[in-house]
N, C-alpha and C. Protein backbone atom coordinates (compact mmCIF):
# COMPACT_ATOMS: atom_id res chain seq x y z
N UNK A 1 -5.56 114.09 212.46
CA UNK A 1 -5.51 113.20 213.62
C UNK A 1 -5.17 111.79 213.15
N UNK A 2 -4.11 111.24 213.66
CA UNK A 2 -3.69 109.90 213.30
C UNK A 2 -4.29 108.92 214.29
N UNK A 3 -5.35 108.22 213.87
CA UNK A 3 -6.06 107.34 214.78
C UNK A 3 -6.49 106.09 214.02
N UNK A 4 -6.50 104.97 214.71
CA UNK A 4 -6.97 103.73 214.13
C UNK A 4 -8.28 103.35 214.80
N UNK A 5 -9.23 102.94 213.99
CA UNK A 5 -10.51 102.44 214.50
C UNK A 5 -10.58 100.95 214.24
N UNK A 6 -10.78 100.18 215.30
CA UNK A 6 -10.87 98.74 215.19
C UNK A 6 -12.27 98.27 215.55
N UNK A 7 -12.90 97.58 214.61
CA UNK A 7 -14.25 97.08 214.80
C UNK A 7 -14.18 95.56 214.87
N UNK A 8 -14.73 95.00 215.92
CA UNK A 8 -14.76 93.54 216.09
C UNK A 8 -16.14 93.02 215.71
N UNK A 9 -16.18 92.08 214.78
CA UNK A 9 -17.45 91.54 214.31
C UNK A 9 -17.36 90.02 214.16
N UNK A 10 -18.52 89.41 214.13
CA UNK A 10 -18.63 87.97 213.88
C UNK A 10 -19.63 87.75 212.76
N UNK A 11 -19.41 86.71 211.99
CA UNK A 11 -20.37 86.38 210.94
C UNK A 11 -21.65 85.84 211.58
N UNK A 12 -22.75 86.02 210.90
CA UNK A 12 -24.03 85.48 211.39
C UNK A 12 -24.76 84.78 210.26
N UNK A 13 -25.34 83.67 210.59
CA UNK A 13 -26.09 82.91 209.60
C UNK A 13 -27.59 83.07 209.82
N UNK A 14 -27.98 83.45 211.01
CA UNK A 14 -29.39 83.61 211.35
C UNK A 14 -29.81 85.03 210.96
N UNK A 15 -30.50 85.17 209.82
CA UNK A 15 -30.87 86.49 209.32
C UNK A 15 -32.39 86.66 209.35
N UNK A 16 -32.85 87.85 209.01
CA UNK A 16 -34.29 88.13 209.04
C UNK A 16 -34.64 89.06 210.19
N UNK A 17 -35.87 89.59 210.17
CA UNK A 17 -36.30 90.55 211.18
C UNK A 17 -36.29 89.96 212.59
N UNK A 18 -36.76 88.72 212.71
CA UNK A 18 -36.79 88.10 214.04
C UNK A 18 -35.40 87.92 214.61
N UNK A 19 -34.46 87.48 213.76
CA UNK A 19 -33.09 87.29 214.21
C UNK A 19 -32.45 88.62 214.61
N UNK A 20 -32.72 89.67 213.82
CA UNK A 20 -32.16 90.99 214.13
C UNK A 20 -32.73 91.51 215.44
N UNK A 21 -34.00 91.26 215.67
CA UNK A 21 -34.63 91.70 216.92
C UNK A 21 -33.99 91.01 218.12
N UNK A 22 -33.72 89.73 217.98
CA UNK A 22 -33.08 88.99 219.08
C UNK A 22 -31.67 89.50 219.34
N UNK A 23 -30.96 89.83 218.28
CA UNK A 23 -29.62 90.39 218.43
C UNK A 23 -29.66 91.69 219.23
N UNK A 24 -30.58 92.57 218.87
CA UNK A 24 -30.66 93.86 219.53
C UNK A 24 -31.04 93.72 221.00
N UNK A 25 -31.91 92.77 221.30
CA UNK A 25 -32.27 92.51 222.69
C UNK A 25 -31.08 92.02 223.50
N UNK A 26 -30.11 91.40 222.80
CA UNK A 26 -28.93 90.87 223.46
C UNK A 26 -27.78 91.88 223.47
N UNK A 27 -28.06 93.14 223.08
CA UNK A 27 -27.02 94.16 223.09
C UNK A 27 -26.11 94.14 221.89
N UNK A 28 -26.56 93.50 220.80
CA UNK A 28 -25.76 93.44 219.59
C UNK A 28 -26.57 94.01 218.43
N UNK A 29 -25.90 94.29 217.33
CA UNK A 29 -26.59 94.82 216.16
C UNK A 29 -26.15 94.06 214.91
N UNK A 30 -27.04 93.99 213.91
CA UNK A 30 -26.67 93.36 212.64
C UNK A 30 -25.95 94.34 211.74
N UNK A 31 -25.20 93.80 210.79
CA UNK A 31 -24.52 94.62 209.82
C UNK A 31 -24.12 93.78 208.62
N UNK A 32 -23.41 94.38 207.69
CA UNK A 32 -22.94 93.67 206.50
C UNK A 32 -21.64 94.30 206.04
N UNK A 33 -20.78 93.48 205.46
CA UNK A 33 -19.58 93.99 204.81
C UNK A 33 -19.56 93.43 203.39
N UNK A 34 -19.26 94.29 202.42
CA UNK A 34 -19.34 93.88 201.02
C UNK A 34 -18.29 94.64 200.21
N UNK A 35 -18.20 94.32 198.91
CA UNK A 35 -17.30 95.04 198.03
C UNK A 35 -15.99 94.32 197.78
N UNK A 36 -15.12 94.97 196.99
CA UNK A 36 -13.80 94.44 196.61
C UNK A 36 -13.92 93.12 195.86
N UNK A 37 -15.04 92.93 195.15
CA UNK A 37 -15.21 91.72 194.35
C UNK A 37 -15.45 90.46 195.16
N UNK A 38 -15.75 90.62 196.43
CA UNK A 38 -15.98 89.46 197.30
C UNK A 38 -17.45 89.40 197.71
N UNK A 39 -17.85 88.25 198.19
CA UNK A 39 -19.22 88.03 198.61
C UNK A 39 -19.55 88.88 199.85
N UNK A 40 -20.77 89.38 199.87
CA UNK A 40 -21.23 90.11 201.05
C UNK A 40 -21.38 89.15 202.22
N UNK A 41 -20.99 89.61 203.41
CA UNK A 41 -21.04 88.77 204.61
C UNK A 41 -21.88 89.49 205.68
N UNK A 42 -22.88 88.78 206.20
CA UNK A 42 -23.70 89.33 207.29
C UNK A 42 -22.92 89.27 208.59
N UNK A 43 -23.00 90.36 209.37
CA UNK A 43 -22.19 90.48 210.58
C UNK A 43 -23.07 90.72 211.80
N UNK A 44 -22.48 90.53 212.96
CA UNK A 44 -23.06 90.97 214.23
C UNK A 44 -21.96 91.62 215.05
N UNK A 45 -22.31 92.73 215.72
CA UNK A 45 -21.33 93.50 216.49
C UNK A 45 -21.94 93.96 217.80
N UNK A 46 -21.08 94.33 218.74
CA UNK A 46 -21.53 94.87 220.00
C UNK A 46 -22.09 96.27 219.78
N UNK A 47 -23.32 96.50 220.22
CA UNK A 47 -23.98 97.78 219.97
C UNK A 47 -23.22 98.96 220.58
N UNK A 48 -22.83 98.84 221.85
CA UNK A 48 -22.21 99.97 222.54
C UNK A 48 -20.85 100.32 221.94
N UNK A 49 -20.13 99.31 221.44
CA UNK A 49 -18.84 99.59 220.79
C UNK A 49 -19.05 100.45 219.54
N UNK A 50 -20.04 100.08 218.73
CA UNK A 50 -20.31 100.84 217.51
C UNK A 50 -20.82 102.24 217.85
N UNK A 51 -21.70 102.33 218.84
CA UNK A 51 -22.22 103.63 219.25
C UNK A 51 -21.10 104.55 219.70
N UNK A 52 -20.14 104.00 220.45
CA UNK A 52 -18.99 104.79 220.90
C UNK A 52 -18.15 105.26 219.71
N UNK A 53 -17.91 104.38 218.73
CA UNK A 53 -17.15 104.77 217.54
C UNK A 53 -17.85 105.92 216.80
N UNK A 54 -19.17 105.84 216.72
CA UNK A 54 -19.92 106.82 215.95
C UNK A 54 -19.92 108.20 216.59
N UNK A 55 -19.46 108.30 217.83
CA UNK A 55 -19.35 109.60 218.47
C UNK A 55 -18.16 110.40 217.93
N UNK A 56 -17.27 109.72 217.20
CA UNK A 56 -16.08 110.37 216.64
C UNK A 56 -16.32 110.72 215.18
N UNK A 57 -16.17 111.98 214.84
CA UNK A 57 -16.38 112.42 213.46
C UNK A 57 -15.51 111.63 212.48
N UNK A 58 -14.28 111.32 212.87
CA UNK A 58 -13.34 110.66 211.97
C UNK A 58 -13.80 109.25 211.57
N UNK A 59 -14.66 108.64 212.37
CA UNK A 59 -15.10 107.28 212.08
C UNK A 59 -15.86 107.21 210.76
N UNK A 60 -16.49 108.31 210.37
CA UNK A 60 -17.31 108.34 209.16
C UNK A 60 -16.47 108.49 207.89
N UNK A 61 -15.23 108.93 208.02
CA UNK A 61 -14.39 109.18 206.84
C UNK A 61 -12.98 108.67 207.09
N UNK A 62 -12.91 107.43 207.53
CA UNK A 62 -11.62 106.84 207.90
C UNK A 62 -11.57 105.41 207.38
N UNK A 63 -10.37 104.93 207.07
CA UNK A 63 -10.21 103.52 206.75
C UNK A 63 -10.22 102.74 208.07
N UNK A 64 -11.16 101.82 208.19
CA UNK A 64 -11.38 101.09 209.43
C UNK A 64 -10.78 99.70 209.35
N UNK A 65 -10.39 99.19 210.51
CA UNK A 65 -9.95 97.80 210.61
C UNK A 65 -11.12 96.97 211.14
N UNK A 66 -11.77 96.24 210.24
CA UNK A 66 -12.93 95.44 210.64
C UNK A 66 -12.49 93.98 210.77
N UNK A 67 -12.45 93.51 211.99
CA UNK A 67 -12.04 92.14 212.26
C UNK A 67 -13.27 91.24 212.24
N UNK A 68 -13.33 90.36 211.23
CA UNK A 68 -14.46 89.43 211.07
C UNK A 68 -13.97 88.03 211.42
N UNK A 69 -14.45 87.53 212.54
CA UNK A 69 -14.01 86.21 213.03
C UNK A 69 -12.49 86.14 213.15
N UNK A 70 -11.90 87.27 213.57
CA UNK A 70 -10.46 87.32 213.80
C UNK A 70 -9.63 87.72 212.60
N UNK A 71 -10.24 87.84 211.42
CA UNK A 71 -9.50 88.21 210.21
C UNK A 71 -9.80 89.67 209.88
N UNK A 72 -8.76 90.51 209.86
CA UNK A 72 -8.93 91.95 209.67
C UNK A 72 -9.10 92.29 208.19
N UNK A 73 -10.10 93.11 207.92
CA UNK A 73 -10.34 93.62 206.57
C UNK A 73 -10.41 95.14 206.64
N UNK A 74 -9.86 95.79 205.62
CA UNK A 74 -9.92 97.25 205.53
C UNK A 74 -11.27 97.63 204.92
N UNK A 75 -11.93 98.61 205.54
CA UNK A 75 -13.25 99.00 205.06
C UNK A 75 -13.55 100.44 205.46
N UNK A 76 -14.60 101.00 204.84
CA UNK A 76 -15.12 102.30 205.24
C UNK A 76 -16.60 102.13 205.60
N UNK A 77 -17.07 103.01 206.44
CA UNK A 77 -18.48 103.01 206.82
C UNK A 77 -19.30 103.61 205.68
N UNK A 78 -20.29 102.87 205.20
CA UNK A 78 -21.11 103.36 204.09
C UNK A 78 -22.52 103.75 204.50
N UNK A 79 -23.05 103.14 205.56
CA UNK A 79 -24.41 103.49 205.94
C UNK A 79 -24.65 103.13 207.40
N UNK A 80 -25.45 103.96 208.07
CA UNK A 80 -25.85 103.72 209.45
C UNK A 80 -27.36 103.91 209.54
N UNK A 81 -28.04 102.93 210.06
CA UNK A 81 -29.48 103.06 210.31
C UNK A 81 -29.68 103.23 211.81
N UNK A 82 -30.37 104.31 212.17
CA UNK A 82 -30.59 104.62 213.58
C UNK A 82 -32.07 104.49 213.93
N UNK A 83 -32.32 104.23 215.19
CA UNK A 83 -33.70 104.19 215.67
C UNK A 83 -34.28 105.60 215.56
N UNK A 84 -35.54 105.72 215.10
CA UNK A 84 -36.10 107.06 214.87
C UNK A 84 -36.26 107.92 216.12
N UNK A 85 -36.34 107.30 217.30
CA UNK A 85 -36.58 108.12 218.50
C UNK A 85 -35.65 107.79 219.68
N UNK A 86 -34.85 106.74 219.57
CA UNK A 86 -33.96 106.36 220.65
C UNK A 86 -32.50 106.43 220.19
N UNK A 87 -31.60 106.56 221.14
CA UNK A 87 -30.17 106.61 220.82
C UNK A 87 -29.66 105.18 220.61
N UNK A 88 -30.19 104.55 219.57
CA UNK A 88 -29.82 103.17 219.27
C UNK A 88 -29.48 103.02 217.80
N UNK A 89 -28.49 102.18 217.54
CA UNK A 89 -28.09 101.86 216.17
C UNK A 89 -28.83 100.59 215.77
N UNK A 90 -29.39 100.60 214.56
CA UNK A 90 -30.17 99.46 214.10
C UNK A 90 -29.39 98.56 213.13
N UNK A 91 -28.50 99.16 212.33
CA UNK A 91 -27.78 98.38 211.31
C UNK A 91 -26.64 99.23 210.78
N UNK A 92 -25.53 98.59 210.40
CA UNK A 92 -24.41 99.31 209.78
C UNK A 92 -23.91 98.54 208.56
N UNK A 93 -23.47 99.30 207.56
CA UNK A 93 -22.90 98.73 206.34
C UNK A 93 -21.44 99.16 206.21
N UNK A 94 -20.58 98.20 205.87
CA UNK A 94 -19.18 98.50 205.62
C UNK A 94 -18.83 98.11 204.18
N UNK A 95 -17.98 98.93 203.55
CA UNK A 95 -17.49 98.65 202.21
C UNK A 95 -16.01 98.32 202.27
N UNK A 96 -15.65 97.12 201.80
CA UNK A 96 -14.23 96.76 201.77
C UNK A 96 -13.48 97.66 200.80
N UNK A 97 -12.24 98.00 201.14
CA UNK A 97 -11.41 98.83 200.27
C UNK A 97 -9.98 98.29 200.27
N UNK A 98 -9.24 98.68 199.24
CA UNK A 98 -7.81 98.43 199.20
C UNK A 98 -7.15 99.72 198.73
N UNK A 99 -5.85 99.79 198.82
CA UNK A 99 -5.15 101.03 198.45
C UNK A 99 -5.33 101.36 196.97
N UNK A 100 -5.71 100.37 196.16
CA UNK A 100 -5.87 100.60 194.72
C UNK A 100 -7.30 100.99 194.36
N UNK A 101 -8.20 100.96 195.34
CA UNK A 101 -9.60 101.26 195.07
C UNK A 101 -9.85 102.76 195.08
N UNK A 102 -10.59 103.24 194.07
CA UNK A 102 -11.11 104.60 194.11
C UNK A 102 -12.46 104.54 194.77
N UNK A 103 -12.65 105.38 195.77
CA UNK A 103 -13.90 105.34 196.52
C UNK A 103 -14.59 106.70 196.49
N UNK A 104 -15.88 106.66 196.65
CA UNK A 104 -16.73 107.84 196.65
C UNK A 104 -17.21 108.03 198.09
N UNK A 105 -16.85 109.15 198.73
CA UNK A 105 -17.15 109.34 200.14
C UNK A 105 -17.62 110.77 200.42
N UNK A 106 -18.36 110.91 201.50
CA UNK A 106 -18.68 112.23 202.05
C UNK A 106 -17.70 112.50 203.18
N UNK A 107 -17.03 113.64 203.12
CA UNK A 107 -16.11 114.01 204.21
C UNK A 107 -16.55 115.35 204.79
N UNK A 108 -16.34 115.55 206.08
CA UNK A 108 -16.77 116.81 206.72
C UNK A 108 -15.89 117.99 206.34
N UNK A 109 -16.46 119.18 206.43
CA UNK A 109 -15.73 120.42 206.22
C UNK A 109 -15.43 121.06 207.57
N UNK A 110 -14.19 121.50 207.74
CA UNK A 110 -13.79 122.23 208.94
C UNK A 110 -13.49 123.67 208.52
N UNK A 111 -14.21 124.61 209.11
CA UNK A 111 -14.04 126.03 208.76
C UNK A 111 -13.05 126.67 209.72
N UNK A 112 -12.03 127.32 209.15
CA UNK A 112 -10.98 127.92 209.97
C UNK A 112 -10.86 129.42 209.68
N UNK A 113 -10.25 130.13 210.64
CA UNK A 113 -9.92 131.56 210.53
C UNK A 113 -11.16 132.45 210.36
N UNK A 114 -12.29 132.02 210.89
CA UNK A 114 -13.49 132.86 210.81
C UNK A 114 -13.30 134.17 211.57
N UNK A 115 -12.68 134.07 212.76
CA UNK A 115 -12.58 135.25 213.62
C UNK A 115 -11.66 136.33 213.06
N UNK A 116 -10.76 135.96 212.12
CA UNK A 116 -9.85 136.97 211.57
C UNK A 116 -10.26 137.39 210.16
N UNK A 117 -11.34 136.85 209.65
CA UNK A 117 -11.83 137.26 208.33
C UNK A 117 -12.19 138.74 208.37
N UNK A 118 -11.80 139.52 207.37
CA UNK A 118 -12.12 140.95 207.37
C UNK A 118 -13.62 141.21 207.52
N UNK A 119 -14.43 140.37 206.91
CA UNK A 119 -15.87 140.55 207.00
C UNK A 119 -16.42 140.39 208.40
N UNK A 120 -15.67 139.68 209.25
CA UNK A 120 -16.08 139.49 210.65
C UNK A 120 -15.35 140.48 211.55
N UNK A 121 -14.03 140.53 211.43
CA UNK A 121 -13.22 141.34 212.34
C UNK A 121 -13.44 142.83 212.12
N UNK A 122 -13.57 143.23 210.85
CA UNK A 122 -13.72 144.65 210.54
C UNK A 122 -15.19 144.99 210.26
N UNK A 123 -15.84 144.14 209.49
CA UNK A 123 -17.21 144.44 209.08
C UNK A 123 -18.27 143.95 210.03
N UNK A 124 -17.87 143.21 211.08
CA UNK A 124 -18.83 142.69 212.07
C UNK A 124 -19.93 141.87 211.40
N UNK A 125 -19.57 141.19 210.31
CA UNK A 125 -20.54 140.36 209.60
C UNK A 125 -20.74 139.01 210.27
N UNK A 126 -21.72 138.29 209.77
CA UNK A 126 -22.05 136.96 210.28
C UNK A 126 -21.68 135.90 209.25
N UNK A 127 -21.09 134.80 209.73
CA UNK A 127 -20.67 133.70 208.87
C UNK A 127 -21.81 132.70 208.74
N UNK A 128 -22.07 132.27 207.52
CA UNK A 128 -23.03 131.20 207.27
C UNK A 128 -22.30 130.01 206.66
N UNK A 129 -22.45 128.83 207.30
CA UNK A 129 -21.92 127.60 206.74
C UNK A 129 -23.01 126.99 205.87
N UNK A 130 -22.80 126.96 204.59
CA UNK A 130 -23.83 126.50 203.65
C UNK A 130 -23.73 125.01 203.37
N UNK A 131 -22.61 124.41 203.73
CA UNK A 131 -22.42 122.96 203.62
C UNK A 131 -21.67 122.49 204.86
N UNK A 132 -21.94 121.27 205.30
CA UNK A 132 -21.19 120.69 206.42
C UNK A 132 -20.27 119.56 205.97
N UNK A 133 -20.52 119.05 204.76
CA UNK A 133 -19.69 117.97 204.21
C UNK A 133 -19.72 118.08 202.70
N UNK A 134 -18.82 117.33 202.05
CA UNK A 134 -18.74 117.40 200.59
C UNK A 134 -18.41 116.01 200.04
N UNK A 135 -18.92 115.75 198.85
CA UNK A 135 -18.67 114.49 198.14
C UNK A 135 -17.29 114.53 197.50
N UNK A 136 -16.48 113.51 197.72
CA UNK A 136 -15.16 113.45 197.07
C UNK A 136 -14.96 112.06 196.46
N UNK A 137 -13.96 111.99 195.58
CA UNK A 137 -13.50 110.72 195.01
C UNK A 137 -11.99 110.68 195.17
N UNK A 138 -11.47 109.55 195.64
CA UNK A 138 -10.02 109.41 195.79
C UNK A 138 -9.68 107.94 195.98
N UNK A 139 -8.40 107.62 195.90
CA UNK A 139 -7.95 106.29 196.28
C UNK A 139 -8.12 106.14 197.79
N UNK A 140 -8.37 104.92 198.22
CA UNK A 140 -8.59 104.69 199.65
C UNK A 140 -7.42 105.20 200.48
N UNK A 141 -6.21 105.05 199.97
CA UNK A 141 -5.04 105.46 200.73
C UNK A 141 -4.94 106.98 200.87
N UNK A 142 -5.65 107.73 200.01
CA UNK A 142 -5.60 109.19 200.05
C UNK A 142 -6.80 109.81 200.76
N UNK A 143 -7.66 108.99 201.37
CA UNK A 143 -8.88 109.50 201.98
C UNK A 143 -8.57 110.47 203.11
N UNK A 144 -9.00 111.74 202.98
CA UNK A 144 -8.76 112.70 204.07
C UNK A 144 -9.83 112.55 205.15
N UNK A 145 -9.45 112.83 206.38
CA UNK A 145 -10.40 112.79 207.49
C UNK A 145 -11.41 113.93 207.37
N UNK A 146 -10.95 115.08 206.86
CA UNK A 146 -11.81 116.25 206.64
C UNK A 146 -11.11 117.18 205.66
N UNK A 147 -11.83 118.18 205.18
CA UNK A 147 -11.25 119.21 204.33
C UNK A 147 -11.39 120.55 205.04
N UNK A 148 -10.35 121.37 204.97
CA UNK A 148 -10.37 122.68 205.60
C UNK A 148 -10.87 123.74 204.62
N UNK A 149 -11.71 124.62 205.13
CA UNK A 149 -12.19 125.77 204.37
C UNK A 149 -11.68 127.01 205.10
N UNK A 150 -10.74 127.72 204.47
CA UNK A 150 -10.09 128.87 205.09
C UNK A 150 -10.85 130.15 204.75
N UNK A 151 -11.45 130.76 205.79
CA UNK A 151 -12.23 131.98 205.60
C UNK A 151 -11.43 133.24 205.89
N UNK A 152 -10.13 133.11 206.06
CA UNK A 152 -9.28 134.20 206.54
C UNK A 152 -9.27 135.44 205.69
N UNK A 153 -9.60 135.35 204.40
CA UNK A 153 -9.57 136.52 203.51
C UNK A 153 -10.95 136.96 203.05
N UNK A 154 -11.99 136.41 203.65
CA UNK A 154 -13.35 136.66 203.17
C UNK A 154 -13.91 137.96 203.71
N UNK A 155 -14.47 138.78 202.82
CA UNK A 155 -15.09 140.05 203.19
C UNK A 155 -16.61 139.92 203.26
N UNK A 156 -17.24 140.92 203.84
CA UNK A 156 -18.70 140.95 203.90
C UNK A 156 -19.28 140.94 202.49
N UNK A 157 -20.29 140.09 202.28
CA UNK A 157 -20.91 139.99 200.96
C UNK A 157 -20.23 139.01 200.03
N UNK A 158 -19.17 138.36 200.50
CA UNK A 158 -18.45 137.39 199.66
C UNK A 158 -18.75 135.95 200.11
N UNK A 159 -18.51 135.03 199.17
CA UNK A 159 -18.70 133.60 199.43
C UNK A 159 -17.48 132.81 198.99
N UNK A 160 -17.27 131.67 199.62
CA UNK A 160 -16.28 130.69 199.15
C UNK A 160 -17.04 129.52 198.53
N UNK A 161 -16.50 129.00 197.43
CA UNK A 161 -17.16 127.94 196.69
C UNK A 161 -16.36 126.64 196.75
N UNK A 162 -16.93 125.60 196.21
CA UNK A 162 -16.26 124.29 196.19
C UNK A 162 -14.87 124.40 195.57
N UNK A 163 -14.77 125.19 194.50
CA UNK A 163 -13.48 125.32 193.80
C UNK A 163 -12.43 126.03 194.64
N UNK A 164 -12.84 126.71 195.72
CA UNK A 164 -11.89 127.41 196.59
C UNK A 164 -11.29 126.50 197.65
N UNK A 165 -11.82 125.29 197.81
CA UNK A 165 -11.30 124.37 198.82
C UNK A 165 -9.96 123.80 198.35
N UNK A 166 -8.97 123.89 199.20
CA UNK A 166 -7.66 123.33 198.87
C UNK A 166 -7.70 121.83 199.10
N UNK A 167 -7.52 121.07 198.03
CA UNK A 167 -7.66 119.62 198.09
C UNK A 167 -6.30 118.94 198.23
N UNK A 168 -6.19 117.90 199.05
CA UNK A 168 -4.96 117.13 199.13
C UNK A 168 -4.69 116.43 197.79
N UNK A 169 -3.47 116.02 197.58
CA UNK A 169 -3.12 115.29 196.36
C UNK A 169 -3.98 114.05 196.21
N UNK A 170 -4.48 113.84 195.00
CA UNK A 170 -5.24 112.63 194.72
C UNK A 170 -6.71 112.71 195.05
N UNK A 171 -7.16 113.86 195.56
CA UNK A 171 -8.56 114.02 195.97
C UNK A 171 -9.28 114.94 194.98
N UNK A 172 -10.45 114.53 194.54
CA UNK A 172 -11.24 115.32 193.60
C UNK A 172 -12.65 115.53 194.14
N UNK A 173 -13.25 116.64 193.74
CA UNK A 173 -14.66 116.89 194.01
C UNK A 173 -15.39 116.70 192.68
N UNK A 174 -16.10 115.59 192.51
CA UNK A 174 -16.69 115.29 191.20
C UNK A 174 -17.68 116.33 190.71
N UNK A 175 -18.33 117.05 191.60
CA UNK A 175 -19.30 118.06 191.18
C UNK A 175 -18.65 119.12 190.28
N UNK A 176 -17.36 119.41 190.52
CA UNK A 176 -16.68 120.47 189.76
C UNK A 176 -16.47 120.08 188.30
N UNK A 177 -16.50 118.78 188.02
CA UNK A 177 -16.34 118.32 186.63
C UNK A 177 -17.64 118.49 185.84
N UNK A 178 -18.73 118.87 186.52
CA UNK A 178 -20.02 118.99 185.86
C UNK A 178 -20.32 120.41 185.40
N UNK A 179 -19.36 121.30 185.57
CA UNK A 179 -19.54 122.65 185.06
C UNK A 179 -19.69 123.70 186.15
N UNK A 180 -19.60 124.98 185.75
CA UNK A 180 -19.65 126.09 186.72
C UNK A 180 -20.91 126.12 187.57
N UNK A 181 -22.03 125.66 187.02
CA UNK A 181 -23.27 125.68 187.79
C UNK A 181 -23.22 124.79 189.02
N UNK A 182 -22.27 123.87 189.07
CA UNK A 182 -22.15 122.94 190.18
C UNK A 182 -21.08 123.38 191.18
N UNK A 183 -20.47 124.54 190.92
CA UNK A 183 -19.48 125.08 191.85
C UNK A 183 -20.22 125.85 192.94
N UNK A 184 -20.82 125.13 193.86
CA UNK A 184 -21.74 125.71 194.83
C UNK A 184 -20.99 126.42 195.97
N UNK A 185 -21.61 127.42 196.58
CA UNK A 185 -20.99 128.10 197.73
C UNK A 185 -21.01 127.19 198.96
N UNK A 186 -19.95 127.26 199.74
CA UNK A 186 -19.87 126.45 200.97
C UNK A 186 -19.93 127.32 202.22
N UNK A 187 -19.61 128.60 202.09
CA UNK A 187 -19.66 129.53 203.23
C UNK A 187 -19.74 130.95 202.71
N UNK A 188 -20.32 131.83 203.51
CA UNK A 188 -20.42 133.23 203.12
C UNK A 188 -20.42 134.10 204.38
N UNK A 189 -20.16 135.39 204.18
CA UNK A 189 -20.26 136.38 205.26
C UNK A 189 -21.24 137.44 204.82
N UNK A 190 -22.23 137.71 205.65
CA UNK A 190 -23.23 138.72 205.30
C UNK A 190 -23.36 139.71 206.45
N UNK A 191 -23.82 140.89 206.11
CA UNK A 191 -23.98 141.95 207.10
C UNK A 191 -25.14 141.62 208.03
N UNK A 192 -25.02 142.06 209.26
CA UNK A 192 -26.10 141.87 210.22
C UNK A 192 -27.32 142.68 209.79
N UNK A 193 -28.48 142.09 209.99
CA UNK A 193 -29.71 142.81 209.68
C UNK A 193 -30.13 143.65 210.88
N UNK A 194 -30.77 144.80 210.58
CA UNK A 194 -31.26 145.66 211.66
C UNK A 194 -30.12 146.32 212.39
N UNK A 195 -30.45 147.06 213.41
CA UNK A 195 -29.43 147.72 214.21
C UNK A 195 -28.87 148.96 213.55
N UNK A 196 -29.38 149.24 212.29
CA UNK A 196 -28.90 150.43 211.61
C UNK A 196 -29.64 151.66 212.08
N UNK A 197 -29.25 152.79 211.54
CA UNK A 197 -29.90 154.04 211.93
C UNK A 197 -31.13 154.24 211.06
N UNK A 198 -32.30 154.17 211.67
CA UNK A 198 -33.53 154.36 210.92
C UNK A 198 -33.95 155.82 210.95
N UNK A 199 -34.92 156.14 210.07
CA UNK A 199 -35.40 157.52 210.05
C UNK A 199 -36.34 157.75 211.21
N UNK A 200 -36.27 158.92 211.78
CA UNK A 200 -37.17 159.24 212.88
C UNK A 200 -38.56 159.52 212.33
N UNK A 201 -39.59 159.12 213.06
CA UNK A 201 -40.95 159.42 212.65
C UNK A 201 -41.22 160.91 212.85
N UNK A 202 -41.94 161.54 211.89
CA UNK A 202 -42.22 162.98 212.05
C UNK A 202 -43.14 163.24 213.22
N UNK A 203 -42.89 164.32 213.95
CA UNK A 203 -43.74 164.69 215.08
C UNK A 203 -45.01 165.34 214.57
N UNK A 204 -46.03 165.36 215.43
CA UNK A 204 -47.30 165.96 215.04
C UNK A 204 -47.10 167.40 214.62
N UNK A 205 -47.67 167.76 213.49
CA UNK A 205 -47.56 169.14 213.02
C UNK A 205 -46.42 169.34 212.07
N UNK A 206 -45.53 168.30 211.93
CA UNK A 206 -44.41 168.43 211.01
C UNK A 206 -44.82 167.89 209.65
N UNK A 207 -43.92 167.98 208.71
CA UNK A 207 -44.19 167.52 207.35
C UNK A 207 -44.64 166.08 207.41
N UNK A 208 -45.59 165.76 206.59
CA UNK A 208 -46.09 164.40 206.57
C UNK A 208 -47.40 164.27 207.29
N UNK A 209 -47.82 165.28 208.08
CA UNK A 209 -49.09 165.23 208.80
C UNK A 209 -50.22 165.62 207.84
N UNK A 210 -51.29 164.87 207.88
CA UNK A 210 -52.42 165.15 206.99
C UNK A 210 -52.96 166.54 207.29
N UNK A 211 -53.32 167.32 206.25
CA UNK A 211 -53.84 168.67 206.50
C UNK A 211 -55.22 168.63 207.15
N UNK A 212 -55.47 169.61 207.98
CA UNK A 212 -56.79 169.69 208.65
C UNK A 212 -57.76 170.45 207.78
N UNK A 213 -59.04 170.11 207.94
CA UNK A 213 -60.07 170.81 207.15
C UNK A 213 -60.28 172.21 207.70
N UNK A 214 -60.49 173.18 206.81
CA UNK A 214 -60.77 174.54 207.23
C UNK A 214 -62.28 174.80 207.33
């Protein structure tokens, strides 16, 4: 999906818990942008705008246009603090990036071709998603919105691992450099439990009945 996310922010000098509380009461939230060898800058943004952006999966793994006092900076979302019980955002962190920067990000996994996998179509097995996202390293310009996991050839009792994910050029999964033990499964197909043909219980007087005393 080719989409641009534009975040409008203003610098803030009034920091601290009291200042953040006043911002939230006014429908705004605090945040920060840092990185790229530059000083960290405290920000304030419209709460509902950020909440709307966060409804899109791509916002979490996309190069964003963060306009700070009218000056646009390229950044990625690094952290979101949410209210523990309300649908409210408490704070957001942005990391500045450039095309020459290698960044470490979590990107979502999209599972495809489940319905045509032999383990499902023929074996009537059940698919288990063992991961929903994966850690990657790449240049900012190569950041994928998501990675596809193709289950089209998977049979019952089989799993797909990190090493089976087809990666775009310039994208690496750092866990794979740590050895085979880190090549974790991301999806599997297993047989349904139960529903099989069980043995019938023996009727009274048939084999298996305790003998009567004479």
